[in-house]
N, C-alpha and C. Protein backbone atom coordinates (compact mmCIF):
# COMPACT_ATOMS: atom_id res chain seq x y z
N MET A 1 -56.18 -152.15 104.02
CA MET A 1 -56.50 -151.22 103.15
C MET A 1 -57.89 -150.55 102.84
N ALA A 2 -58.74 -151.69 103.05
CA ALA A 2 -59.97 -151.29 103.03
C ALA A 2 -60.61 -150.79 103.98
N PHE A 3 -59.87 -150.79 105.40
CA PHE A 3 -60.13 -149.94 106.16
C PHE A 3 -59.97 -148.34 106.44
N VAL A 4 -59.08 -148.21 105.83
CA VAL A 4 -58.25 -146.43 105.39
C VAL A 4 -59.29 -146.13 104.10
N GLY A 5 -59.73 -146.64 103.24
CA GLY A 5 -60.50 -146.30 102.33
C GLY A 5 -61.92 -146.17 103.14
N ARG A 6 -62.19 -146.93 103.71
CA ARG A 6 -63.64 -146.83 104.36
C ARG A 6 -63.67 -145.44 105.66
N MET A 7 -62.70 -145.23 106.58
CA MET A 7 -62.56 -144.06 106.96
C MET A 7 -62.35 -142.71 106.08
N ALA A 8 -61.43 -142.87 104.96
CA ALA A 8 -61.22 -141.59 104.57
C ALA A 8 -62.93 -141.25 104.03
N VAL A 9 -63.45 -142.21 103.23
CA VAL A 9 -64.79 -141.84 102.88
C VAL A 9 -65.67 -141.37 103.98
N ARG A 10 -65.50 -141.88 105.21
CA ARG A 10 -66.59 -141.42 106.19
C ARG A 10 -65.80 -139.85 106.51
N MET A 11 -64.44 -139.96 106.73
CA MET A 11 -64.04 -138.62 107.52
C MET A 11 -64.80 -137.44 106.02
N SER A 12 -64.11 -137.85 104.85
CA SER A 12 -65.05 -137.02 103.89
C SER A 12 -66.22 -136.62 104.10
N ASN A 13 -67.48 -137.45 104.14
CA ASN A 13 -68.56 -137.20 104.29
C ASN A 13 -68.95 -135.94 105.88
N GLY A 14 -68.13 -136.71 106.60
CA GLY A 14 -68.36 -135.96 107.75
C GLY A 14 -68.00 -134.37 107.71
N VAL A 15 -66.85 -134.15 107.14
CA VAL A 15 -66.13 -132.70 106.85
C VAL A 15 -67.18 -131.99 105.71
N SER A 16 -67.71 -132.63 104.74
CA SER A 16 -68.86 -131.85 103.90
C SER A 16 -70.03 -131.81 104.35
N ARG A 17 -70.62 -132.95 105.66
CA ARG A 17 -71.65 -132.24 106.24
C ARG A 17 -71.40 -131.40 107.19
N THR A 18 -70.42 -131.04 107.90
CA THR A 18 -69.96 -130.39 108.99
C THR A 18 -69.93 -128.68 108.19
N SER A 19 -69.73 -128.98 107.01
CA SER A 19 -69.41 -127.71 106.36
C SER A 19 -70.38 -126.87 105.56
N ASN A 20 -71.30 -127.91 105.37
CA ASN A 20 -72.79 -127.48 104.88
C ASN A 20 -73.69 -127.14 105.99
N TYR A 21 -73.71 -127.81 107.17
CA TYR A 21 -74.31 -127.42 108.57
C TYR A 21 -73.77 -126.12 109.11
N MET A 22 -72.37 -125.70 108.99
CA MET A 22 -71.89 -124.30 109.66
C MET A 22 -72.32 -123.35 108.37
N GLY A 23 -72.44 -123.92 107.04
CA GLY A 23 -72.50 -122.58 106.14
C GLY A 23 -73.84 -122.04 106.64
N LYS A 24 -74.84 -122.88 107.03
CA LYS A 24 -76.19 -122.25 107.54
C LYS A 24 -75.77 -121.55 108.62
N LYS A 25 -75.45 -122.00 109.31
CA LYS A 25 -75.57 -121.48 110.77
C LYS A 25 -74.24 -120.65 111.18
N TRP A 26 -73.34 -120.16 110.01
CA TRP A 26 -72.23 -119.38 110.28
C TRP A 26 -72.85 -117.91 110.84
N PRO A 27 -73.71 -117.39 110.02
CA PRO A 27 -74.29 -116.07 110.57
C PRO A 27 -74.87 -116.18 111.98
N ILE A 28 -75.32 -116.97 112.20
CA ILE A 28 -75.84 -117.11 113.90
C ILE A 28 -74.84 -117.19 114.76
N VAL A 29 -73.79 -117.95 114.50
CA VAL A 29 -72.78 -118.22 115.62
C VAL A 29 -71.85 -116.78 115.77
N LYS A 30 -71.72 -116.22 114.24
CA LYS A 30 -71.05 -115.01 114.37
C LYS A 30 -71.30 -113.83 115.04
N LYS A 31 -72.69 -113.63 114.62
CA LYS A 31 -73.25 -112.58 115.56
C LYS A 31 -73.76 -112.85 116.89
N TYR A 32 -73.50 -113.96 117.59
CA TYR A 32 -73.79 -113.98 118.78
C TYR A 32 -72.36 -114.36 119.61
N ALA A 33 -70.99 -114.64 119.02
CA ALA A 33 -69.92 -114.60 119.10
C ALA A 33 -69.60 -112.95 119.26
N VAL A 34 -69.59 -111.93 118.42
CA VAL A 34 -69.44 -110.84 118.32
C VAL A 34 -70.01 -110.10 119.81
N VAL A 35 -71.45 -110.60 120.17
CA VAL A 35 -71.82 -109.61 121.23
C VAL A 35 -71.22 -110.54 122.40
N GLU A 36 -71.05 -112.05 122.61
CA GLU A 36 -70.70 -112.40 123.70
C GLU A 36 -69.25 -112.70 124.13
N LEU A 37 -68.45 -112.21 122.97
CA LEU A 37 -66.76 -112.50 123.53
C LEU A 37 -66.38 -110.70 123.07
N ALA A 38 -66.97 -109.86 123.07
CA ALA A 38 -66.47 -108.74 123.20
C ALA A 38 -65.96 -108.41 124.52
N PRO A 39 -65.02 -107.51 124.70
CA PRO A 39 -64.47 -107.12 126.15
C PRO A 39 -65.68 -106.35 126.75
N PRO A 40 -65.74 -106.40 128.35
CA PRO A 40 -66.62 -105.74 128.67
C PRO A 40 -66.39 -104.11 128.78
N THR A 41 -67.36 -102.94 128.80
CA THR A 41 -67.32 -101.58 128.49
C THR A 41 -66.75 -100.98 129.90
N PRO A 42 -66.31 -100.04 129.92
CA PRO A 42 -65.87 -99.37 131.39
C PRO A 42 -67.08 -99.53 132.55
N ALA A 43 -68.39 -99.17 131.75
CA ALA A 43 -69.54 -99.17 132.71
C ALA A 43 -69.80 -100.02 133.33
N GLU A 44 -69.45 -101.39 132.45
CA GLU A 44 -70.05 -102.82 133.22
C GLU A 44 -68.78 -103.11 133.97
N VAL A 45 -67.64 -102.69 133.82
CA VAL A 45 -66.47 -102.88 134.71
C VAL A 45 -67.11 -102.28 136.31
N GLU A 46 -67.29 -100.80 136.27
CA GLU A 46 -67.42 -100.43 137.63
C GLU A 46 -68.96 -100.80 138.01
N ARG A 47 -69.82 -101.34 137.03
CA ARG A 47 -71.08 -101.87 137.64
C ARG A 47 -70.58 -103.22 138.56
N HIS A 48 -69.85 -104.17 138.00
CA HIS A 48 -69.43 -105.28 138.48
C HIS A 48 -68.16 -105.28 139.85
N LEU A 49 -67.41 -104.37 139.79
CA LEU A 49 -66.70 -103.64 141.16
C LEU A 49 -67.74 -103.24 142.17
N GLY A 50 -68.73 -102.58 141.98
CA GLY A 50 -69.70 -101.74 142.75
C GLY A 50 -70.56 -103.22 143.56
N SER A 51 -70.73 -104.46 142.71
CA SER A 51 -71.46 -105.41 143.35
C SER A 51 -70.37 -105.90 144.09
N LEU A 52 -69.18 -106.11 143.74
CA LEU A 52 -68.26 -106.91 144.82
C LEU A 52 -67.92 -106.36 145.86
N GLN A 53 -68.33 -105.03 146.06
CA GLN A 53 -67.82 -104.04 147.25
C GLN A 53 -69.06 -104.28 148.04
N VAL A 54 -70.42 -104.51 147.30
CA VAL A 54 -71.66 -104.59 148.51
C VAL A 54 -71.52 -106.31 149.06
N THR A 55 -70.97 -107.27 148.28
CA THR A 55 -71.14 -108.54 148.72
C THR A 55 -70.11 -108.88 149.49
N ASN A 56 -68.94 -107.81 149.86
CA ASN A 56 -67.84 -108.09 150.79
C ASN A 56 -68.18 -107.74 152.20
N LYS A 57 -69.34 -107.24 152.76
CA LYS A 57 -69.65 -106.87 153.79
C LYS A 57 -70.08 -107.97 154.90
N HIS A 58 -69.49 -109.15 154.85
CA HIS A 58 -70.18 -110.17 155.99
C HIS A 58 -71.32 -110.71 155.69
N VAL A 59 -71.90 -110.68 154.63
CA VAL A 59 -73.61 -110.90 154.35
C VAL A 59 -73.70 -112.49 154.73
N TYR A 60 -72.37 -113.17 154.51
CA TYR A 60 -72.79 -114.70 154.65
C TYR A 60 -73.37 -114.71 156.52
N MET A 61 -72.71 -113.77 157.23
CA MET A 61 -73.25 -113.92 158.62
C MET A 61 -74.62 -113.84 159.21
N PHE A 62 -75.16 -113.25 158.26
CA PHE A 62 -76.97 -113.17 158.38
C PHE A 62 -77.64 -114.31 157.66
N PHE A 63 -76.94 -115.62 157.31
CA PHE A 63 -78.02 -116.46 156.74
C PHE A 63 -78.67 -117.09 157.83
N TYR A 64 -79.63 -117.93 157.62
CA TYR A 64 -80.65 -118.64 158.53
C TYR A 64 -79.90 -119.79 158.20
N PHE A 65 -79.73 -120.71 159.58
CA PHE A 65 -79.37 -121.65 159.61
C PHE A 65 -79.71 -123.07 158.57
N GLN A 66 -80.81 -123.04 157.97
CA GLN A 66 -81.24 -123.42 157.07
C GLN A 66 -80.63 -123.21 155.72
N GLN A 67 -80.27 -121.98 155.47
CA GLN A 67 -79.74 -121.78 154.15
C GLN A 67 -78.21 -122.04 154.31
N ALA A 68 -77.37 -122.12 155.57
CA ALA A 68 -76.04 -122.53 155.82
C ALA A 68 -75.98 -123.78 155.47
N THR A 69 -77.12 -124.33 155.85
CA THR A 69 -76.79 -126.07 155.81
C THR A 69 -76.99 -126.31 154.50
N LEU A 70 -77.84 -125.79 153.93
CA LEU A 70 -77.97 -126.19 152.54
C LEU A 70 -76.53 -125.64 151.39
N ASN A 71 -76.24 -124.66 151.90
CA ASN A 71 -74.90 -124.35 151.05
C ASN A 71 -73.84 -125.30 151.47
N THR A 72 -73.74 -125.54 152.65
CA THR A 72 -72.36 -126.93 153.08
C THR A 72 -72.63 -127.99 152.51
N VAL A 73 -74.35 -128.39 152.39
CA VAL A 73 -74.73 -129.84 152.12
C VAL A 73 -74.43 -129.44 150.27
N VAL A 74 -74.39 -128.30 149.83
CA VAL A 74 -74.39 -128.47 148.04
C VAL A 74 -72.53 -128.25 148.34
N MET A 75 -71.54 -127.42 148.80
CA MET A 75 -70.21 -127.45 149.08
C MET A 75 -69.67 -129.31 148.97
N PHE A 76 -70.15 -129.94 149.76
CA PHE A 76 -69.80 -131.36 149.84
C PHE A 76 -70.42 -131.81 148.59
N GLU A 77 -71.29 -131.73 148.27
CA GLU A 77 -71.58 -132.19 147.12
C GLU A 77 -71.06 -132.50 145.94
N VAL A 78 -70.38 -131.09 145.74
CA VAL A 78 -69.55 -130.82 144.63
C VAL A 78 -68.16 -131.50 144.82
N ILE A 79 -67.46 -131.28 146.15
CA ILE A 79 -66.46 -132.33 146.44
C ILE A 79 -66.35 -133.26 146.38
N LEU A 80 -67.42 -133.96 146.44
CA LEU A 80 -67.65 -135.51 146.18
C LEU A 80 -67.58 -135.87 144.95
N TRP A 81 -68.25 -134.94 144.36
CA TRP A 81 -68.40 -135.52 142.63
C TRP A 81 -66.86 -134.99 141.92
N PHE A 82 -66.44 -133.93 142.47
CA PHE A 82 -65.12 -133.66 142.04
C PHE A 82 -64.06 -135.29 142.07
N PHE A 83 -63.92 -135.75 143.62
CA PHE A 83 -63.36 -136.87 143.83
C PHE A 83 -64.14 -138.02 143.03
N VAL A 84 -65.34 -138.22 142.60
CA VAL A 84 -65.71 -139.54 142.10
C VAL A 84 -65.31 -139.47 140.42
N GLY A 85 -65.13 -138.15 140.10
CA GLY A 85 -64.80 -138.00 138.59
C GLY A 85 -63.24 -138.23 138.51
N GLU A 86 -62.30 -137.85 139.58
CA GLU A 86 -61.16 -138.21 139.41
C GLU A 86 -60.99 -139.82 139.66
N CYS A 87 -61.67 -140.31 140.26
CA CYS A 87 -61.61 -141.94 140.27
C CYS A 87 -62.12 -142.57 138.91
N ILE A 88 -62.89 -142.06 138.68
CA ILE A 88 -63.18 -142.46 137.28
C ILE A 88 -62.11 -142.17 135.94
N GLY A 89 -61.60 -140.89 136.16
CA GLY A 89 -60.52 -140.82 135.35
C GLY A 89 -59.47 -141.57 135.78
N LYS A 90 -58.98 -141.58 136.56
CA LYS A 90 -57.64 -142.55 136.84
C LYS A 90 -57.77 -144.00 136.91
N ARG A 91 -59.19 -144.62 136.89
CA ARG A 91 -59.83 -145.64 136.92
C ARG A 91 -58.68 -146.35 137.93
N SER A 92 -58.92 -145.76 139.25
CA SER A 92 -58.53 -146.63 140.32
C SER A 92 -58.99 -145.67 141.72
N TYR A 93 -58.84 -146.26 142.73
CA TYR A 93 -59.05 -145.73 144.06
C TYR A 93 -57.64 -145.19 144.74
N VAL A 94 -56.89 -145.67 144.48
CA VAL A 94 -55.57 -145.36 144.93
C VAL A 94 -54.66 -144.04 144.68
N GLY A 95 -54.21 -144.38 143.20
CA GLY A 95 -53.43 -143.33 142.91
C GLY A 95 -53.06 -143.60 141.28
N TYR A 96 -52.81 -142.94 140.72
CA TYR A 96 -52.24 -142.74 139.14
C TYR A 96 -51.07 -143.80 139.22
N PRO A 97 -51.02 -144.69 138.21
CA PRO A 97 -49.73 -145.62 137.95
C PRO A 97 -48.50 -144.49 137.33
N VAL A 98 -47.58 -145.09 138.05
CA VAL A 98 -46.18 -144.44 138.05
C VAL A 98 -45.36 -145.45 137.49
N LYS A 99 -45.03 -145.29 135.97
CA LYS A 99 -43.96 -145.97 135.30
C LYS A 99 -42.60 -145.60 135.92
N VAL A 100 -42.28 -146.38 136.42
CA VAL A 100 -40.45 -145.80 137.21
C VAL A 100 -39.45 -147.35 136.43
N PRO A 101 -38.30 -146.92 135.76
CA PRO A 101 -37.50 -148.20 135.09
C PRO A 101 -37.20 -148.84 136.58
N ASN A 102 -37.13 -150.54 136.26
CA ASN A 102 -36.23 -151.29 137.60
C ASN A 102 -37.23 -151.01 138.73
N ALA A 103 -38.51 -150.62 138.79
CA ALA A 103 -39.10 -150.85 140.22
C ALA A 103 -39.88 -152.07 139.84
N VAL A 104 -40.27 -152.53 141.09
CA VAL A 104 -40.93 -153.61 141.57
C VAL A 104 -42.90 -153.47 141.85
N HIS A 105 -43.28 -153.58 140.97
CA HIS A 105 -44.62 -153.21 140.86
C HIS A 105 -45.45 -154.12 140.08
N LYS A 106 -46.82 -154.08 140.39
CA LYS A 106 -47.74 -155.02 139.23
C LYS A 106 -48.16 -154.25 138.27
N GLU A 107 -48.20 -154.41 137.42
CA GLU A 107 -48.41 -153.27 135.76
C GLU A 107 -50.21 -153.47 136.20
N ILE A 108 -50.55 -152.57 135.89
CA ILE A 108 -51.89 -152.18 135.48
C ILE A 108 -52.32 -152.14 134.19
N SER A 109 -53.39 -153.12 134.02
CA SER A 109 -53.97 -153.25 132.61
C SER A 109 -55.43 -152.52 132.32
N TYR A 110 -55.33 -151.29 131.50
CA TYR A 110 -56.62 -150.68 131.10
C TYR A 110 -57.35 -151.00 130.14
N THR A 111 -57.22 -152.20 129.80
CA THR A 111 -57.77 -152.97 128.24
C THR A 111 -58.79 -153.87 129.26
């Protein structure tokens, strides 16, 4: 019971501190949110569509070998970190544990 009381006090303190902090920062957050979350204007859409048409002309064919190698290394690094993150997330190299009723398999303990 004492644990519940301590947690209630901590949550109350956290809410009050957050509300005090956000009360001071809310005008700044609101100002930037209005600007950043506004939908694009038609002029901006046209400008970005124009830039997409320019990049669609096989510019990648004129890369130097060094730049192409660097792009390939970066691509493999992104893929590697994706798979490392997946292995960390599932806590296993093999696969996700599947709970099937009446199956013969070893239970994996995550504790």
